[in-house]
Amino acid sequence: MQGFYKKYIDYLSENAVNPDQRRYAVPGEAERHFIDLDAYGDSALNNLPRHWQAAVRKIGEDSLRKHGIVPWHVQAAAFQLTAAFKEKNRPRILRISADLGHYIADAHVPLHTTRNYNGQFTGQEGIHGFWESRLPELFAGQYDMWLGPAIYRKDIAGDIWKAVAASHSAMDSVLLFEKQLTEAFKADKKFSFELRGNTLTRTYSHEFSEKYHLMLGRQVERRMRASVQMVGDVWYTCWVDAGQPDLGPLANAGDDNADQNAESAEQQTWLQRLLNVRPESDN
C-alpha cells in the first residue's frame, strides 16, 4: 500500500485541490466542505445523528445540506474508497483518496464549523485565509509532521465527529485571539504589502502573524498533524476493509497518461460549468 501511494504522491498532491475547484461548478459540492454547528444550537454535537440516514430522518436533507455535511460525507467517501479498493480500480482509488483527504482536512479547520466562517459577523473579514493559508505559509517549515505508521480506525463515523468537535472547540480562540491582537496593534502594523509574482499584495504582516501564531500555541500545526494522521489512517482502514488487495499490479501496470487525460477532461468540464456560475463567499 505504501509503495502504491508513494508512486502517485504527485498525483494526490496536485488533485487534492479538485474539490475546491468543483465547488462553484458542481451542484452539491460546496456543502461537503463544512458544517455550521452553531446553526443547530449549543447542543449540536450531542443532538446531531452521527449517520446520514438518521440525520435525514431527524433534520431533513435540505436543511442538512444548507448548513454543511462534511462529517457525513467523509463517511460516504470512505465507503466509496473501500469499494474502489475491492474493485482494484486504480483511477477511482486515486481520485477518491485525493478527495477524501481534502474533506478530512477541511473537517479539522475550526472556521469550517461555524456560520461566521470568515469573521464576517464579527468584523474580522479575512481571518479564514489568515488561519488556513497565511500562517502555514510563514511557519509550516517549523511544523513537525512526522507521525509514524497509519492505524486501523474501527469507527470512522465516530472519529470524524470527534475531529469536528475538536475543531469547533478551537473556533472561539481563533476569533478571540485575533480580535485581542488587533486591538493591541497599531492599524498600520497589522498589514503589509508583499510582491507576489508581479503583483503587490496586501496581507497580514509577519509581526502580526507571528504574535497570532504564538497566541494560538501552534494550533494550526496541531490541527494539521491531526488531519494528516487521519487521512493516512482512513486510507489504510479502507484498504483493510476491502480485504487488503495487492496494489502492486495496479502501480506497475496500465496507462498513467490515460488516467491523467481523463482527469484533465473532467477538470475542463468543471471549468466550463464555472463560467456559467456566479461564485459565492467561500466557506
Protein backbone atom coordinates (compact mmCIF):
# COMPACT_ATOMS: atom_id res chain seq x y z
CA MET A 1 0.00 0.00 0.00
CA GLN A 2 2.83 2.40 0.87
CA GLY A 3 4.53 1.76 -2.47
CA PHE A 4 1.29 2.42 -4.36
CA TYR A 5 0.63 5.76 -2.68
CA LYS A 6 4.28 6.80 -2.89
CA LYS A 7 4.27 6.24 -6.64
CA TYR A 8 1.25 8.51 -7.03
CA ILE A 9 2.18 11.13 -4.44
CA ASP A 10 2.45 13.85 -7.08
CA TYR A 11 -0.99 12.99 -8.47
CA LEU A 12 -2.52 13.03 -4.99
CA SER A 13 -0.86 16.35 -4.10
CA GLU A 14 -1.95 18.04 -7.31
CA ASN A 15 -5.51 16.68 -7.28
CA ALA A 16 -6.21 17.25 -3.60
CA VAL A 17 -7.46 20.72 -4.60
CA ASN A 18 -10.08 19.33 -7.01
CA PRO A 19 -12.96 19.57 -4.51
CA ASP A 20 -12.33 23.31 -4.20
CA GLN A 21 -12.25 23.67 -7.98
CA ARG A 22 -15.61 21.91 -8.21
CA ARG A 23 -17.33 23.97 -5.51
CA TYR A 24 -18.91 26.53 -7.80
CA ALA A 25 -19.28 24.26 -10.83
CA VAL A 26 -20.79 21.06 -9.48
CA PRO A 27 -24.13 21.14 -7.63
CA GLY A 28 -23.91 19.54 -4.20
CA GLU A 29 -20.15 20.03 -3.85
CA ALA A 30 -19.98 23.15 -1.68
CA GLU A 31 -21.76 21.65 1.35
CA ARG A 32 -19.23 18.80 1.56
CA HIS A 33 -16.56 21.14 2.95
CA PHE A 34 -18.08 22.41 6.20
CA ILE A 35 -20.76 22.12 8.86
CA ASP A 36 -22.35 25.11 10.60
CA LEU A 37 -22.72 23.60 14.06
CA ASP A 38 -23.96 26.88 15.53
CA ALA A 39 -26.99 26.67 13.25
CA TYR A 40 -28.21 23.77 15.38
CA GLY A 41 -27.84 25.41 18.79
CA ASP A 42 -25.48 24.88 21.70
CA SER A 43 -26.16 21.14 21.93
CA ALA A 44 -25.48 20.37 18.27
CA LEU A 45 -22.68 17.91 18.95
CA ASN A 46 -24.88 15.97 21.34
CA ASN A 47 -28.05 16.04 19.26
CA LEU A 48 -26.96 15.59 15.64
CA PRO A 49 -27.10 11.95 14.47
CA ARG A 50 -23.72 10.53 13.52
CA HIS A 51 -25.01 8.72 10.43
CA TRP A 52 -26.59 10.27 7.33
CA GLN A 53 -29.88 8.42 7.09
CA ALA A 54 -30.67 9.04 10.75
CA ALA A 55 -29.79 12.72 10.31
CA VAL A 56 -32.06 12.99 7.25
CA ARG A 57 -34.94 11.48 9.20
CA LYS A 58 -34.43 13.88 12.09
CA ILE A 59 -33.44 17.15 10.35
CA GLY A 60 -34.37 16.82 6.69
CA GLU A 61 -31.95 16.65 3.79
CA ASP A 62 -32.42 20.23 2.58
CA SER A 63 -31.62 21.68 6.00
CA LEU A 64 -28.60 19.44 6.41
CA ARG A 65 -27.15 20.43 3.04
CA LYS A 66 -27.80 24.10 3.73
CA HIS A 67 -25.62 24.00 6.83
CA GLY A 68 -22.94 21.63 5.55
CA ILE A 69 -22.42 17.88 5.58
CA VAL A 70 -18.67 17.30 5.91
CA PRO A 71 -18.72 14.67 8.70
CA TRP A 72 -21.35 12.63 6.88
CA HIS A 73 -19.69 12.99 3.50
CA VAL A 74 -16.36 11.75 4.86
CA GLN A 75 -18.16 8.54 5.82
CA ALA A 76 -19.67 8.25 2.34
CA ALA A 77 -16.31 8.86 0.66
CA ALA A 78 -14.65 6.23 2.86
CA PHE A 79 -17.31 3.73 1.78
CA GLN A 80 -16.62 4.63 -1.85
CA LEU A 81 -12.87 4.20 -1.38
CA THR A 82 -13.36 0.76 0.16
CA ALA A 83 -15.44 -0.22 -2.87
CA ALA A 84 -12.76 1.11 -5.24
CA PHE A 85 -10.12 -0.99 -3.46
CA LYS A 86 -12.33 -4.09 -3.78
CA GLU A 87 -12.72 -3.39 -7.50
CA LYS A 88 -8.97 -2.70 -7.83
CA ASN A 89 -9.95 0.34 -9.83
CA ARG A 90 -6.83 2.49 -9.84
CA PRO A 91 -8.33 5.75 -11.20
CA ARG A 92 -11.16 5.62 -8.64
CA ILE A 93 -8.80 4.75 -5.79
CA LEU A 94 -6.63 7.74 -6.59
CA ARG A 95 -9.47 10.19 -7.25
CA ILE A 96 -11.41 9.27 -4.12
CA SER A 97 -8.25 9.20 -2.00
CA ALA A 98 -7.41 12.75 -3.05
CA ASP A 99 -10.97 13.97 -2.47
CA LEU A 100 -11.28 12.19 0.87
CA GLY A 101 -8.04 13.74 2.09
CA HIS A 102 -9.42 17.18 1.24
CA TYR A 103 -12.68 16.66 3.13
CA ILE A 104 -10.93 15.24 6.19
CA ALA A 105 -8.56 18.22 6.23
CA ASP A 106 -11.50 20.64 5.98
CA ALA A 107 -13.12 18.97 8.98
CA HIS A 108 -10.01 19.84 11.02
CA VAL A 109 -10.29 23.59 10.32
CA PRO A 110 -12.08 25.43 13.17
CA LEU A 111 -13.67 28.01 10.87
CA HIS A 112 -15.28 25.22 8.83
CA THR A 113 -17.59 24.55 11.79
CA THR A 114 -19.32 27.93 12.07
CA ARG A 115 -21.54 30.27 10.08
CA ASN A 116 -19.03 33.00 10.96
CA TYR A 117 -16.53 31.19 8.73
CA ASN A 118 -14.67 34.31 7.61
CA GLY A 119 -15.29 36.60 10.57
CA GLN A 120 -17.98 38.38 8.57
CA PHE A 121 -20.29 38.65 11.58
CA THR A 122 -17.61 39.98 13.94
CA GLY A 123 -15.76 42.48 11.75
CA GLN A 124 -12.87 40.05 11.16
CA GLU A 125 -13.17 39.52 7.43
CA GLY A 126 -10.20 37.64 6.03
CA ILE A 127 -9.48 35.55 9.12
CA HIS A 128 -10.25 32.32 7.28
CA GLY A 129 -7.39 32.74 4.84
CA PHE A 130 -5.21 34.15 7.62
CA TRP A 131 -5.53 30.99 9.73
CA GLU A 132 -5.66 28.49 6.88
CA SER A 133 -3.11 29.92 4.44
CA ARG A 134 -1.02 32.78 5.79
CA LEU A 135 0.13 31.08 9.00
CA PRO A 136 1.21 27.85 7.26
CA GLU A 137 2.86 29.91 4.54
CA LEU A 138 5.07 31.57 7.16
CA PHE A 139 5.55 28.83 9.74
CA ALA A 140 4.97 25.40 8.17
CA GLY A 141 8.74 24.94 7.95
CA GLN A 142 8.73 24.73 11.75
CA TYR A 143 5.96 22.12 11.94
CA ASP A 144 6.79 18.57 12.99
CA MET A 145 4.88 16.42 10.53
CA TRP A 146 6.49 13.05 11.29
CA LEU A 147 3.60 11.00 12.62
CA GLY A 148 4.59 7.36 12.30
CA PRO A 149 2.56 4.50 10.81
CA ALA A 150 -1.13 4.56 9.95
CA ILE A 151 -3.50 2.75 12.29
CA TYR A 152 -6.80 0.99 11.70
CA ARG A 153 -9.89 3.05 12.63
CA LYS A 154 -12.69 0.88 13.98
CA ASP A 155 -15.22 3.73 13.92
CA ILE A 156 -14.66 6.27 11.14
CA ALA A 157 -18.04 7.88 11.84
CA GLY A 158 -17.22 8.44 15.49
CA ASP A 159 -13.69 9.63 14.75
CA ILE A 160 -14.67 12.22 12.13
CA TRP A 161 -17.24 13.64 14.55
CA LYS A 162 -14.54 13.82 17.24
CA ALA A 163 -12.38 15.75 14.76
CA VAL A 164 -15.24 18.17 14.05
CA ALA A 165 -15.84 18.62 17.78
CA ALA A 166 -12.15 19.38 18.37
CA SER A 167 -12.21 21.91 15.52
CA HIS A 168 -15.29 23.59 16.91
CA SER A 169 -13.84 23.80 20.41
CA ALA A 170 -10.85 25.69 18.94
CA MET A 171 -13.03 28.12 16.97
CA ASP A 172 -13.60 30.59 19.83
CA SER A 173 -9.88 31.11 20.38
CA VAL A 174 -9.31 31.59 16.64
CA LEU A 175 -11.67 34.57 16.67
CA LEU A 176 -10.96 35.90 20.17
CA PHE A 177 -7.17 35.99 19.90
CA GLU A 178 -7.27 37.75 16.54
CA LYS A 179 -9.63 40.37 17.94
CA GLN A 180 -7.48 40.90 21.05
CA LEU A 181 -4.33 41.20 18.97
CA THR A 182 -5.97 43.63 16.54
CA GLU A 183 -7.00 45.87 19.45
CA ALA A 184 -3.42 45.89 20.75
CA PHE A 185 -1.81 46.56 17.34
CA LYS A 186 -1.41 49.83 15.54
CA ALA A 187 -3.53 49.83 12.42
CA ASP A 188 -0.56 50.39 10.11
CA LYS A 189 1.32 47.41 11.60
CA LYS A 190 -1.34 44.72 11.14
CA PHE A 191 -0.95 44.54 7.36
CA SER A 192 1.96 44.81 4.98
CA PHE A 193 2.47 44.66 1.24
CA GLU A 194 4.35 41.81 -0.42
CA LEU A 195 5.23 41.17 -4.03
CA ARG A 196 3.53 38.01 -5.33
CA GLY A 197 4.80 37.43 -8.82
CA ASN A 198 4.32 40.83 -10.44
CA THR A 199 1.52 41.90 -8.12
CA LEU A 200 1.87 43.93 -4.92
CA THR A 201 -0.50 42.24 -2.46
CA ARG A 202 -1.84 43.44 0.89
CA THR A 203 -1.54 40.73 3.52
CA TYR A 204 -1.18 40.21 7.27
CA SER A 205 2.24 41.42 8.39
CA HIS A 206 4.88 39.00 9.57
CA GLU A 207 4.91 40.61 13.02
CA PHE A 208 1.13 40.34 13.45
CA SER A 209 1.14 36.79 12.10
CA GLU A 210 3.92 35.66 14.40
CA LYS A 211 2.22 37.05 17.50
CA TYR A 212 -1.04 35.39 16.50
CA HIS A 213 0.79 32.12 15.85
CA LEU A 214 2.27 32.25 19.36
CA MET A 215 -1.05 33.18 20.98
CA LEU A 216 -2.64 30.14 19.34
CA GLY A 217 0.05 27.87 20.79
CA ARG A 218 0.86 26.23 17.43
CA GLN A 219 -2.81 25.40 16.95
CA VAL A 220 -2.55 25.30 13.16
CA GLU A 221 0.26 22.77 13.38
CA ARG A 222 -1.73 20.59 15.78
CA ARG A 223 -4.84 20.59 13.59
CA MET A 224 -2.71 19.88 10.51
CA ARG A 225 -0.97 16.97 12.24
CA ALA A 226 -4.30 15.52 13.31
CA SER A 227 -5.69 15.80 9.78
CA VAL A 228 -2.64 14.16 8.17
CA GLN A 229 -2.81 11.30 10.66
CA MET A 230 -6.50 10.75 9.99
CA VAL A 231 -6.09 10.85 6.21
CA GLY A 232 -3.48 8.11 6.33
CA ASP A 233 -5.48 6.11 8.85
CA VAL A 234 -8.69 6.25 6.79
CA TRP A 235 -6.91 5.28 3.57
CA TYR A 236 -5.39 2.33 5.41
CA THR A 237 -8.71 1.38 7.03
CA CYS A 238 -10.49 1.36 3.67
CA TRP A 239 -7.80 -0.88 2.23
CA VAL A 240 -8.06 -3.31 5.17
CA ASP A 241 -11.86 -3.33 4.98
CA ALA A 242 -11.57 -4.16 1.27
CA GLY A 243 -9.61 -7.31 2.10
CA GLN A 244 -6.09 -5.85 1.75
CA PRO A 245 -5.88 -6.29 -2.04
CA ASP A 246 -2.43 -6.44 -3.62
CA LEU A 247 -1.84 -2.96 -5.06
CA GLY A 248 1.48 -3.84 -6.68
CA PRO A 249 -0.04 -4.79 -10.05
CA LEU A 250 -2.04 -1.54 -10.07
CA ALA A 251 1.11 0.52 -9.58
CA ASN A 252 3.11 -1.40 -12.19
CA ALA A 253 0.58 -1.85 -14.98
CA GLY A 254 -1.72 0.32 -17.04
CA ASP A 255 -1.50 3.68 -18.73
CA ASP A 256 -0.80 6.54 -16.32
CA ASN A 257 -1.29 9.03 -19.14
CA ALA A 258 -4.82 7.71 -19.76
CA ASP A 259 -5.68 8.33 -16.10
CA GLN A 260 -4.24 11.83 -16.29
CA ASN A 261 -6.07 12.60 -19.53
CA ALA A 262 -9.36 11.51 -18.02
CA GLU A 263 -8.73 13.74 -15.01
CA SER A 264 -7.85 16.67 -17.28
CA ALA A 265 -11.07 16.21 -19.27
CA GLU A 266 -13.07 16.19 -16.05
CA GLN A 267 -11.40 19.39 -14.90
CA GLN A 268 -12.16 21.07 -18.21
CA THR A 269 -15.84 20.19 -17.69
CA TRP A 270 -15.75 21.87 -14.24
CA LEU A 271 -14.15 24.97 -15.70
CA GLN A 272 -16.78 25.19 -18.43
CA ARG A 273 -19.53 24.97 -15.81
CA LEU A 274 -17.74 27.53 -13.67
CA LEU A 275 -18.02 30.11 -16.45
CA ASN A 276 -21.79 29.93 -16.05
CA VAL A 277 -21.90 30.06 -12.25
CA ARG A 278 -21.67 33.14 -10.08
CA PRO A 279 -19.29 32.43 -7.16
CA GLU A 280 -20.48 32.99 -3.62
CA SER A 281 -18.44 33.62 -0.47
CA ASP A 282 -16.04 30.81 0.49
CA ASN A 283 -16.85 28.65 3.47
